[in-house]
Amino acid sequence: MGLKYIEQIKTVVLFVLVILSVTLTFSIWSYRPSYDTIEKPKTVDIVMDDKKIRKKLLSRIN
């Protein structure tokens, strides 16, 4: 093979790498994942009187 064709081989390898890079970059930029919709969780309202709230807060401190 020798040094005679080394520049042509480097040119072809560089060309292939550039085309591969452009292709992969385009595939990353145009990627759109399919997201499932997220349902809102059901909430429950809890009513606590002031004494219970204070006890809970104080028990966390101690």
N, C-alpha and C. Protein backbone atom coordinates (compact mmCIF):
# COMPACT_ATOMS: atom_id res chain seq x y z
N MET A 1 0.85 -1.18 0.00
CA MET A 1 0.00 0.00 0.00
C MET A 1 0.89 1.24 0.00
N GLY A 2 1.70 1.42 0.99
CA GLY A 2 2.70 2.48 0.98
C GLY A 2 2.15 3.86 1.26
N LEU A 3 3.03 4.82 1.11
CA LEU A 3 2.68 6.21 1.39
C LEU A 3 1.97 6.87 0.22
N LYS A 4 1.88 6.18 -0.89
CA LYS A 4 1.30 6.76 -2.09
C LYS A 4 -0.19 7.10 -1.91
N TYR A 5 -0.90 6.23 -1.19
CA TYR A 5 -2.34 6.41 -1.07
C TYR A 5 -2.77 6.91 0.32
N ILE A 6 -1.85 7.27 1.16
CA ILE A 6 -2.17 7.66 2.53
C ILE A 6 -3.05 8.91 2.58
N GLU A 7 -2.81 9.89 1.73
CA GLU A 7 -3.61 11.13 1.73
C GLU A 7 -5.04 10.86 1.27
N GLN A 8 -5.21 9.99 0.29
CA GLN A 8 -6.56 9.64 -0.17
C GLN A 8 -7.33 8.88 0.92
N ILE A 9 -6.64 8.01 1.63
CA ILE A 9 -7.28 7.25 2.72
C ILE A 9 -7.70 8.20 3.83
N LYS A 10 -6.84 9.14 4.20
CA LYS A 10 -7.18 10.10 5.24
C LYS A 10 -8.36 10.97 4.81
N THR A 11 -8.41 11.33 3.53
CA THR A 11 -9.51 12.14 3.02
C THR A 11 -10.83 11.39 3.10
N VAL A 12 -10.81 10.12 2.71
CA VAL A 12 -12.03 9.31 2.75
C VAL A 12 -12.49 9.11 4.19
N VAL A 13 -11.56 8.82 5.10
CA VAL A 13 -11.92 8.63 6.51
C VAL A 13 -12.50 9.91 7.09
N LEU A 14 -11.90 11.05 6.79
CA LEU A 14 -12.40 12.33 7.27
C LEU A 14 -13.80 12.61 6.72
N PHE A 15 -14.00 12.34 5.44
CA PHE A 15 -15.31 12.54 4.82
C PHE A 15 -16.37 11.66 5.50
N VAL A 16 -16.05 10.42 5.75
CA VAL A 16 -16.99 9.51 6.41
C VAL A 16 -17.31 10.00 7.82
N LEU A 17 -16.31 10.46 8.54
CA LEU A 17 -16.54 10.96 9.90
C LEU A 17 -17.40 12.22 9.92
N VAL A 18 -17.18 13.10 8.97
CA VAL A 18 -17.99 14.33 8.90
C VAL A 18 -19.44 13.99 8.57
N ILE A 19 -19.66 13.10 7.61
CA ILE A 19 -21.03 12.70 7.26
C ILE A 19 -21.71 12.01 8.45
N LEU A 20 -20.99 11.16 9.15
CA LEU A 20 -21.52 10.49 10.33
C LEU A 20 -21.88 11.51 11.42
N SER A 21 -21.02 12.48 11.60
CA SER A 21 -21.27 13.52 12.60
C SER A 21 -22.51 14.33 12.26
N VAL A 22 -22.66 14.72 11.02
CA VAL A 22 -23.83 15.49 10.60
C VAL A 22 -25.10 14.66 10.77
N THR A 23 -25.05 13.39 10.40
CA THR A 23 -26.21 12.52 10.53
C THR A 23 -26.62 12.34 11.98
N LEU A 24 -25.66 12.07 12.85
CA LEU A 24 -25.98 11.88 14.27
C LEU A 24 -26.47 13.17 14.93
N THR A 25 -25.88 14.30 14.55
CA THR A 25 -26.33 15.58 15.08
C THR A 25 -27.76 15.86 14.67
N PHE A 26 -28.08 15.62 13.43
CA PHE A 26 -29.46 15.83 12.96
C PHE A 26 -30.43 14.89 13.68
N SER A 27 -30.03 13.65 13.91
CA SER A 27 -30.93 12.72 14.59
C SER A 27 -31.16 13.12 16.04
N ILE A 28 -30.15 13.70 16.68
CA ILE A 28 -30.32 14.18 18.06
C ILE A 28 -31.23 15.41 18.08
N TRP A 29 -31.03 16.34 17.16
CA TRP A 29 -31.82 17.57 17.12
C TRP A 29 -33.28 17.29 16.80
N SER A 30 -33.55 16.31 15.98
CA SER A 30 -34.93 16.08 15.55
C SER A 30 -35.63 14.99 16.36
N TYR A 31 -35.02 14.50 17.41
CA TYR A 31 -35.61 13.44 18.23
C TYR A 31 -36.76 14.00 19.07
N ARG A 32 -37.88 13.32 19.04
CA ARG A 32 -39.03 13.70 19.85
C ARG A 32 -39.55 12.47 20.57
N PRO A 33 -39.31 12.39 21.88
CA PRO A 33 -39.78 11.21 22.63
C PRO A 33 -41.29 11.24 22.78
N SER A 34 -41.87 10.10 22.98
CA SER A 34 -43.31 10.02 23.19
C SER A 34 -43.59 9.99 24.69
N TYR A 35 -44.12 11.07 25.17
CA TYR A 35 -44.43 11.17 26.59
C TYR A 35 -45.89 10.78 26.82
N ASP A 36 -46.13 10.01 27.86
CA ASP A 36 -47.50 9.71 28.26
C ASP A 36 -48.01 10.87 29.11
N THR A 37 -49.30 11.11 29.03
CA THR A 37 -49.85 12.19 29.83
C THR A 37 -49.89 11.76 31.30
N ILE A 38 -49.62 12.70 32.16
CA ILE A 38 -49.60 12.42 33.59
C ILE A 38 -50.91 12.90 34.19
N GLU A 39 -51.57 12.00 34.88
CA GLU A 39 -52.83 12.37 35.51
C GLU A 39 -52.55 13.04 36.86
N LYS A 40 -53.37 14.01 37.17
CA LYS A 40 -53.21 14.70 38.45
C LYS A 40 -53.65 13.76 39.57
N PRO A 41 -52.88 13.69 40.64
CA PRO A 41 -53.28 12.82 41.76
C PRO A 41 -54.48 13.41 42.51
N LYS A 42 -55.27 12.53 43.05
CA LYS A 42 -56.42 12.98 43.83
C LYS A 42 -55.92 13.48 45.18
N THR A 43 -56.43 14.63 45.57
CA THR A 43 -56.02 15.19 46.86
C THR A 43 -57.17 15.08 47.86
N VAL A 44 -56.79 15.00 49.12
CA VAL A 44 -57.77 14.90 50.19
C VAL A 44 -57.52 16.07 51.12
N ASP A 45 -58.58 16.81 51.39
CA ASP A 45 -58.47 17.94 52.32
C ASP A 45 -58.65 17.44 53.75
N ILE A 46 -57.71 17.80 54.61
CA ILE A 46 -57.78 17.40 56.01
C ILE A 46 -57.84 18.67 56.86
N VAL A 47 -58.80 18.71 57.73
CA VAL A 47 -58.95 19.87 58.60
C VAL A 47 -58.46 19.47 59.99
N MET A 48 -57.54 20.28 60.52
CA MET A 48 -57.02 20.03 61.87
C MET A 48 -57.23 21.27 62.70
N ASP A 49 -57.56 21.06 63.95
CA ASP A 49 -57.71 22.23 64.80
C ASP A 49 -56.33 22.72 65.25
N ASP A 50 -56.30 23.88 65.84
CA ASP A 50 -55.04 24.53 66.22
C ASP A 50 -54.24 23.71 67.22
N LYS A 51 -54.89 23.03 68.15
CA LYS A 51 -54.18 22.26 69.16
C LYS A 51 -53.40 21.11 68.53
N LYS A 52 -54.02 20.43 67.59
CA LYS A 52 -53.34 19.31 66.94
C LYS A 52 -52.16 19.82 66.11
N ILE A 53 -52.36 20.94 65.45
CA ILE A 53 -51.27 21.51 64.64
C ILE A 53 -50.10 21.88 65.55
N ARG A 54 -50.37 22.53 66.67
CA ARG A 54 -49.31 22.92 67.58
C ARG A 54 -48.59 21.69 68.14
N LYS A 55 -49.34 20.66 68.52
CA LYS A 55 -48.73 19.44 69.05
C LYS A 55 -47.82 18.80 68.00
N LYS A 56 -48.28 18.76 66.79
CA LYS A 56 -47.48 18.17 65.72
C LYS A 56 -46.21 18.96 65.51
N LEU A 57 -46.31 20.27 65.47
CA LEU A 57 -45.13 21.11 65.27
C LEU A 57 -44.15 21.00 66.43
N LEU A 58 -44.68 20.99 67.64
CA LEU A 58 -43.81 20.88 68.81
C LEU A 58 -43.16 19.51 68.90
N SER A 59 -43.87 18.48 68.50
CA SER A 59 -43.28 17.15 68.56
C SER A 59 -42.15 17.00 67.54
N ARG A 60 -42.22 17.72 66.44
CA ARG A 60 -41.13 17.69 65.47
C ARG A 60 -39.89 18.41 65.98
N ILE A 61 -40.09 19.45 66.77
CA ILE A 61 -38.97 20.22 67.30
C ILE A 61 -38.25 19.39 68.37
N ASN A 62 -38.99 18.74 69.25
CA ASN A 62 -38.40 17.97 70.35
C ASN A 62 -37.92 16.66 69.88
